[in-house]
Amino acid sequence: MARVNEISSGTNSGVWTVVTQTSTYLLDFNEMTLLRAPGVGVSDSEEWAVSRLRRDSEDIPLLGVRTCRVGESAQFWVRAADDPDVRTWRITTPVESIEKIG
């Protein structure tokens, strides 16, 4: 397991955890999926509210990463699990840590 400061936009393999202020994300580039665990972040501050998003705690198709860097909001490009024609960005609260776990 290796902590890093960034997942580059060209990443195409491995399994990563990204912990933000309000949530934890599991990115699996081998399966091209993204899972968000809301409320499993590092902040107890009322500055950051936990948003509930469709398909929380479910694998959704991951299309790529625009940016994912400690100290900044990450941007993940995903496809709707129930409609392959719908694509959207998942933009996070600031990233606290990134770890390659597989």
N, C-alpha and C. Protein backbone atom coordinates (compact mmCIF):
# COMPACT_ATOMS: atom_id res chain seq x y z
N MET A 1 0.84 -1.17 0.00
CA MET A 1 0.00 0.00 0.00
C MET A 1 0.89 1.24 0.00
N ALA A 2 0.60 2.12 -0.93
CA ALA A 2 1.44 3.30 -1.08
C ALA A 2 0.60 4.56 -1.11
N ARG A 3 0.94 5.50 -0.22
CA ARG A 3 0.27 6.81 -0.25
C ARG A 3 0.94 7.66 -1.32
N VAL A 4 0.10 8.39 -2.05
CA VAL A 4 0.59 9.28 -3.09
C VAL A 4 -0.13 10.62 -2.96
N ASN A 5 0.32 11.60 -3.70
CA ASN A 5 -0.30 12.92 -3.66
C ASN A 5 -1.28 13.14 -4.81
N GLU A 6 -1.27 12.21 -5.79
CA GLU A 6 -2.09 12.45 -6.98
C GLU A 6 -2.35 11.14 -7.72
N ILE A 7 -3.52 11.06 -8.35
CA ILE A 7 -3.80 10.04 -9.36
C ILE A 7 -3.81 10.78 -10.68
N SER A 8 -2.93 10.42 -11.58
CA SER A 8 -2.85 11.14 -12.85
C SER A 8 -4.02 10.80 -13.75
N SER A 9 -4.33 11.71 -14.65
CA SER A 9 -5.47 11.50 -15.56
C SER A 9 -5.25 10.33 -16.50
N GLY A 10 -4.02 9.90 -16.67
CA GLY A 10 -3.73 8.77 -17.55
C GLY A 10 -3.73 7.41 -16.86
N THR A 11 -4.07 7.38 -15.58
CA THR A 11 -4.06 6.12 -14.83
C THR A 11 -5.08 5.16 -15.42
N ASN A 12 -4.65 3.88 -15.62
CA ASN A 12 -5.55 2.90 -16.20
C ASN A 12 -5.46 1.53 -15.53
N SER A 13 -4.83 1.47 -14.35
CA SER A 13 -4.79 0.19 -13.64
C SER A 13 -4.66 0.45 -12.15
N GLY A 14 -4.95 -0.57 -11.37
CA GLY A 14 -4.82 -0.49 -9.93
C GLY A 14 -6.13 -0.18 -9.23
N VAL A 15 -6.09 -0.30 -7.91
CA VAL A 15 -7.23 0.00 -7.05
C VAL A 15 -6.75 1.04 -6.04
N TRP A 16 -7.54 2.09 -5.87
CA TRP A 16 -7.15 3.24 -5.07
C TRP A 16 -8.26 3.63 -4.09
N THR A 17 -7.87 4.14 -2.93
CA THR A 17 -8.83 4.79 -2.04
C THR A 17 -8.50 6.28 -2.01
N VAL A 18 -9.55 7.08 -2.07
CA VAL A 18 -9.42 8.53 -2.01
C VAL A 18 -10.32 8.99 -0.86
N VAL A 19 -9.71 9.55 0.18
CA VAL A 19 -10.47 10.04 1.33
C VAL A 19 -10.58 11.56 1.20
N THR A 20 -11.82 12.04 1.24
CA THR A 20 -12.08 13.48 1.16
C THR A 20 -12.57 13.97 2.52
N GLN A 21 -12.93 15.24 2.58
CA GLN A 21 -13.46 15.79 3.82
C GLN A 21 -14.71 15.06 4.29
N THR A 22 -15.52 14.57 3.36
CA THR A 22 -16.83 14.02 3.74
C THR A 22 -17.09 12.59 3.30
N SER A 23 -16.24 12.01 2.46
CA SER A 23 -16.52 10.67 1.92
C SER A 23 -15.23 9.93 1.61
N THR A 24 -15.37 8.64 1.36
CA THR A 24 -14.27 7.83 0.87
C THR A 24 -14.70 7.21 -0.45
N TYR A 25 -13.81 7.26 -1.41
CA TYR A 25 -14.06 6.71 -2.75
C TYR A 25 -13.13 5.53 -2.98
N LEU A 26 -13.64 4.51 -3.62
CA LEU A 26 -12.85 3.37 -4.05
C LEU A 26 -12.87 3.38 -5.57
N LEU A 27 -11.71 3.59 -6.18
CA LEU A 27 -11.59 3.61 -7.63
C LEU A 27 -10.89 2.33 -8.06
N ASP A 28 -11.55 1.54 -8.88
CA ASP A 28 -10.97 0.29 -9.39
C ASP A 28 -10.78 0.46 -10.90
N PHE A 29 -9.53 0.73 -11.29
CA PHE A 29 -9.24 0.93 -12.71
C PHE A 29 -9.17 -0.38 -13.47
N ASN A 30 -9.04 -1.51 -12.77
CA ASN A 30 -9.06 -2.81 -13.44
C ASN A 30 -10.47 -3.14 -13.91
N GLU A 31 -11.46 -2.82 -13.07
CA GLU A 31 -12.87 -3.05 -13.40
C GLU A 31 -13.55 -1.80 -13.93
N MET A 32 -12.87 -0.65 -13.84
CA MET A 32 -13.39 0.66 -14.24
C MET A 32 -14.70 0.98 -13.51
N THR A 33 -14.61 0.94 -12.15
CA THR A 33 -15.75 1.28 -11.31
C THR A 33 -15.33 2.29 -10.24
N LEU A 34 -16.32 3.01 -9.75
CA LEU A 34 -16.16 3.98 -8.67
C LEU A 34 -17.23 3.70 -7.63
N LEU A 35 -16.83 3.65 -6.36
CA LEU A 35 -17.78 3.47 -5.27
C LEU A 35 -17.56 4.61 -4.29
N ARG A 36 -18.63 5.25 -3.87
CA ARG A 36 -18.56 6.35 -2.90
C ARG A 36 -19.23 5.92 -1.60
N ALA A 37 -18.50 6.06 -0.50
CA ALA A 37 -19.04 5.81 0.83
C ALA A 37 -19.23 7.17 1.50
N PRO A 38 -20.45 7.72 1.46
CA PRO A 38 -20.67 9.06 2.02
C PRO A 38 -20.57 9.05 3.54
N GLY A 39 -20.06 10.14 4.08
CA GLY A 39 -19.96 10.27 5.53
C GLY A 39 -18.77 9.57 6.12
N VAL A 40 -17.92 8.96 5.28
CA VAL A 40 -16.73 8.27 5.76
C VAL A 40 -15.53 9.09 5.32
N GLY A 41 -15.44 10.31 5.86
CA GLY A 41 -14.34 11.21 5.55
C GLY A 41 -13.59 11.57 6.81
N VAL A 42 -12.83 12.64 6.74
CA VAL A 42 -11.99 12.99 7.89
C VAL A 42 -12.54 14.15 8.71
N SER A 43 -13.59 14.79 8.26
CA SER A 43 -14.04 16.01 8.91
C SER A 43 -15.29 15.80 9.76
N ASP A 44 -15.24 16.34 10.96
CA ASP A 44 -16.44 16.43 11.80
C ASP A 44 -16.96 17.86 11.79
N SER A 45 -16.33 18.69 10.99
CA SER A 45 -16.67 20.11 10.92
C SER A 45 -18.01 20.31 10.23
N GLU A 46 -18.75 21.29 10.69
CA GLU A 46 -20.01 21.63 10.04
C GLU A 46 -19.78 22.44 8.77
N GLU A 47 -18.52 22.77 8.50
CA GLU A 47 -18.17 23.49 7.28
C GLU A 47 -18.50 22.66 6.04
N TRP A 48 -18.39 21.33 6.17
CA TRP A 48 -18.63 20.43 5.04
C TRP A 48 -19.83 19.55 5.35
N ALA A 49 -20.88 19.70 4.58
CA ALA A 49 -22.06 18.86 4.73
C ALA A 49 -21.91 17.64 3.81
N VAL A 50 -22.41 16.52 4.26
CA VAL A 50 -22.37 15.31 3.45
C VAL A 50 -23.57 15.31 2.52
N SER A 51 -23.30 15.32 1.24
CA SER A 51 -24.37 15.25 0.24
C SER A 51 -24.70 13.80 -0.05
N ARG A 52 -25.94 13.52 -0.27
CA ARG A 52 -26.36 12.18 -0.68
C ARG A 52 -26.51 12.20 -2.20
N LEU A 53 -25.85 11.27 -2.86
CA LEU A 53 -25.88 11.20 -4.32
C LEU A 53 -26.49 9.88 -4.76
N ARG A 54 -27.06 9.89 -5.97
CA ARG A 54 -27.60 8.65 -6.53
C ARG A 54 -26.49 7.60 -6.59
N ARG A 55 -26.85 6.41 -6.29
CA ARG A 55 -25.95 5.25 -6.37
C ARG A 55 -24.82 5.27 -5.34
N ASP A 56 -24.99 6.03 -4.24
CA ASP A 56 -24.01 5.95 -3.16
C ASP A 56 -23.88 4.51 -2.70
N SER A 57 -22.67 4.13 -2.34
CA SER A 57 -22.35 2.78 -1.84
C SER A 57 -22.62 1.69 -2.86
N GLU A 58 -22.65 2.05 -4.14
CA GLU A 58 -22.79 1.09 -5.24
C GLU A 58 -21.67 1.35 -6.24
N ASP A 59 -21.21 0.30 -6.91
CA ASP A 59 -20.25 0.49 -7.99
C ASP A 59 -20.95 1.14 -9.17
N ILE A 60 -20.34 2.20 -9.69
CA ILE A 60 -20.85 2.83 -10.91
C ILE A 60 -19.70 2.85 -11.93
N PRO A 61 -20.03 2.86 -13.21
CA PRO A 61 -18.98 2.82 -14.24
C PRO A 61 -18.10 4.07 -14.21
N LEU A 62 -16.81 3.86 -14.10
CA LEU A 62 -15.82 4.93 -14.11
C LEU A 62 -15.27 5.08 -15.52
N LEU A 63 -15.33 6.29 -16.05
CA LEU A 63 -14.81 6.56 -17.38
C LEU A 63 -13.41 7.17 -17.33
N GLY A 64 -13.08 7.85 -16.23
CA GLY A 64 -11.75 8.44 -16.10
C GLY A 64 -11.67 9.44 -14.98
N VAL A 65 -10.46 9.97 -14.81
CA VAL A 65 -10.18 10.96 -13.79
C VAL A 65 -9.68 12.22 -14.48
N ARG A 66 -10.30 13.32 -14.19
CA ARG A 66 -9.81 14.60 -14.72
C ARG A 66 -8.71 15.12 -13.81
N THR A 67 -8.99 15.12 -12.52
CA THR A 67 -7.99 15.54 -11.54
C THR A 67 -8.29 14.87 -10.20
N CYS A 68 -7.23 14.48 -9.50
CA CYS A 68 -7.36 13.91 -8.16
C CYS A 68 -6.04 14.15 -7.45
N ARG A 69 -6.03 15.21 -6.63
CA ARG A 69 -4.79 15.66 -5.99
C ARG A 69 -5.10 16.05 -4.55
N VAL A 70 -4.23 15.66 -3.62
CA VAL A 70 -4.40 16.01 -2.21
C VAL A 70 -4.48 17.53 -2.09
N GLY A 71 -5.47 18.00 -1.33
CA GLY A 71 -5.66 19.42 -1.08
C GLY A 71 -6.63 20.09 -2.03
N GLU A 72 -7.07 19.36 -3.08
CA GLU A 72 -8.00 19.91 -4.07
C GLU A 72 -9.21 19.01 -4.21
N SER A 73 -10.26 19.54 -4.79
CA SER A 73 -11.42 18.70 -5.12
C SER A 73 -11.06 17.79 -6.28
N ALA A 74 -11.46 16.54 -6.21
CA ALA A 74 -11.24 15.60 -7.32
C ALA A 74 -12.41 15.68 -8.28
N GLN A 75 -12.15 15.31 -9.54
CA GLN A 75 -13.20 15.26 -10.56
C GLN A 75 -13.11 13.90 -11.25
N PHE A 76 -14.19 13.13 -11.10
CA PHE A 76 -14.28 11.79 -11.70
C PHE A 76 -15.36 11.80 -12.77
N TRP A 77 -15.05 11.26 -13.94
CA TRP A 77 -15.98 11.16 -15.06
C TRP A 77 -16.64 9.80 -14.97
N VAL A 78 -17.96 9.75 -14.81
CA VAL A 78 -18.67 8.48 -14.62
C VAL A 78 -19.86 8.38 -15.56
N ARG A 79 -20.33 7.16 -15.72
CA ARG A 79 -21.53 6.89 -16.52
C ARG A 79 -22.62 6.42 -15.56
N ALA A 80 -23.83 6.82 -15.83
CA ALA A 80 -24.96 6.37 -15.00
C ALA A 80 -25.08 4.85 -15.10
N ALA A 81 -25.24 4.20 -13.97
CA ALA A 81 -25.32 2.74 -13.95
C ALA A 81 -26.56 2.22 -14.66
N ASP A 82 -27.63 3.02 -14.65
CA ASP A 82 -28.88 2.54 -15.23
C ASP A 82 -29.15 3.11 -16.62
N ASP A 83 -28.25 3.95 -17.15
CA ASP A 83 -28.44 4.51 -18.49
C ASP A 83 -27.08 4.79 -19.10
N PRO A 84 -26.60 3.93 -20.00
CA PRO A 84 -25.25 4.08 -20.55
C PRO A 84 -25.04 5.35 -21.37
N ASP A 85 -26.12 6.03 -21.74
CA ASP A 85 -25.98 7.26 -22.51
C ASP A 85 -25.78 8.49 -21.63
N VAL A 86 -25.96 8.35 -20.32
CA VAL A 86 -25.83 9.48 -19.40
C VAL A 86 -24.44 9.45 -18.77
N ARG A 87 -23.71 10.55 -18.95
CA ARG A 87 -22.39 10.70 -18.35
C ARG A 87 -22.39 11.98 -17.52
N THR A 88 -21.62 11.96 -16.45
CA THR A 88 -21.59 13.13 -15.55
C THR A 88 -20.27 13.19 -14.79
N TRP A 89 -20.02 14.34 -14.19
CA TRP A 89 -18.85 14.50 -13.33
C TRP A 89 -19.25 14.30 -11.89
N ARG A 90 -18.41 13.62 -11.14
CA ARG A 90 -18.51 13.59 -9.68
C ARG A 90 -17.39 14.48 -9.18
N ILE A 91 -17.74 15.56 -8.51
CA ILE A 91 -16.77 16.49 -7.97
C ILE A 91 -16.82 16.40 -6.45
N THR A 92 -15.68 16.21 -5.84
CA THR A 92 -15.62 15.91 -4.41
C THR A 92 -15.30 17.15 -3.57
N THR A 93 -15.43 16.99 -2.27
CA THR A 93 -14.86 17.95 -1.33
C THR A 93 -13.33 17.75 -1.38
N PRO A 94 -12.55 18.63 -0.75
CA PRO A 94 -11.08 18.50 -0.85
C PRO A 94 -10.57 17.12 -0.42
N VAL A 95 -9.62 16.63 -1.21
CA VAL A 95 -9.00 15.32 -0.97
C VAL A 95 -8.01 15.44 0.18
N GLU A 96 -8.11 14.52 1.12
CA GLU A 96 -7.22 14.47 2.28
C GLU A 96 -6.10 13.45 2.09
N SER A 97 -6.42 12.31 1.46
CA SER A 97 -5.38 11.30 1.24
C SER A 97 -5.75 10.41 0.06
N ILE A 98 -4.71 9.88 -0.57
CA ILE A 98 -4.85 8.96 -1.70
C ILE A 98 -3.92 7.79 -1.43
N GLU A 99 -4.44 6.58 -1.60
CA GLU A 99 -3.61 5.40 -1.35
C GLU A 99 -3.89 4.35 -2.41
N LYS A 100 -2.81 3.80 -2.99
CA LYS A 100 -2.96 2.68 -3.92
C LYS A 100 -2.98 1.42 -3.08
N ILE A 101 -4.07 0.65 -3.20
CA ILE A 101 -4.23 -0.54 -2.36
C ILE A 101 -4.15 -1.84 -3.16
N GLY A 102 -4.07 -1.73 -4.45
CA GLY A 102 -4.00 -2.95 -5.27
C GLY A 102 -3.55 -2.66 -6.67
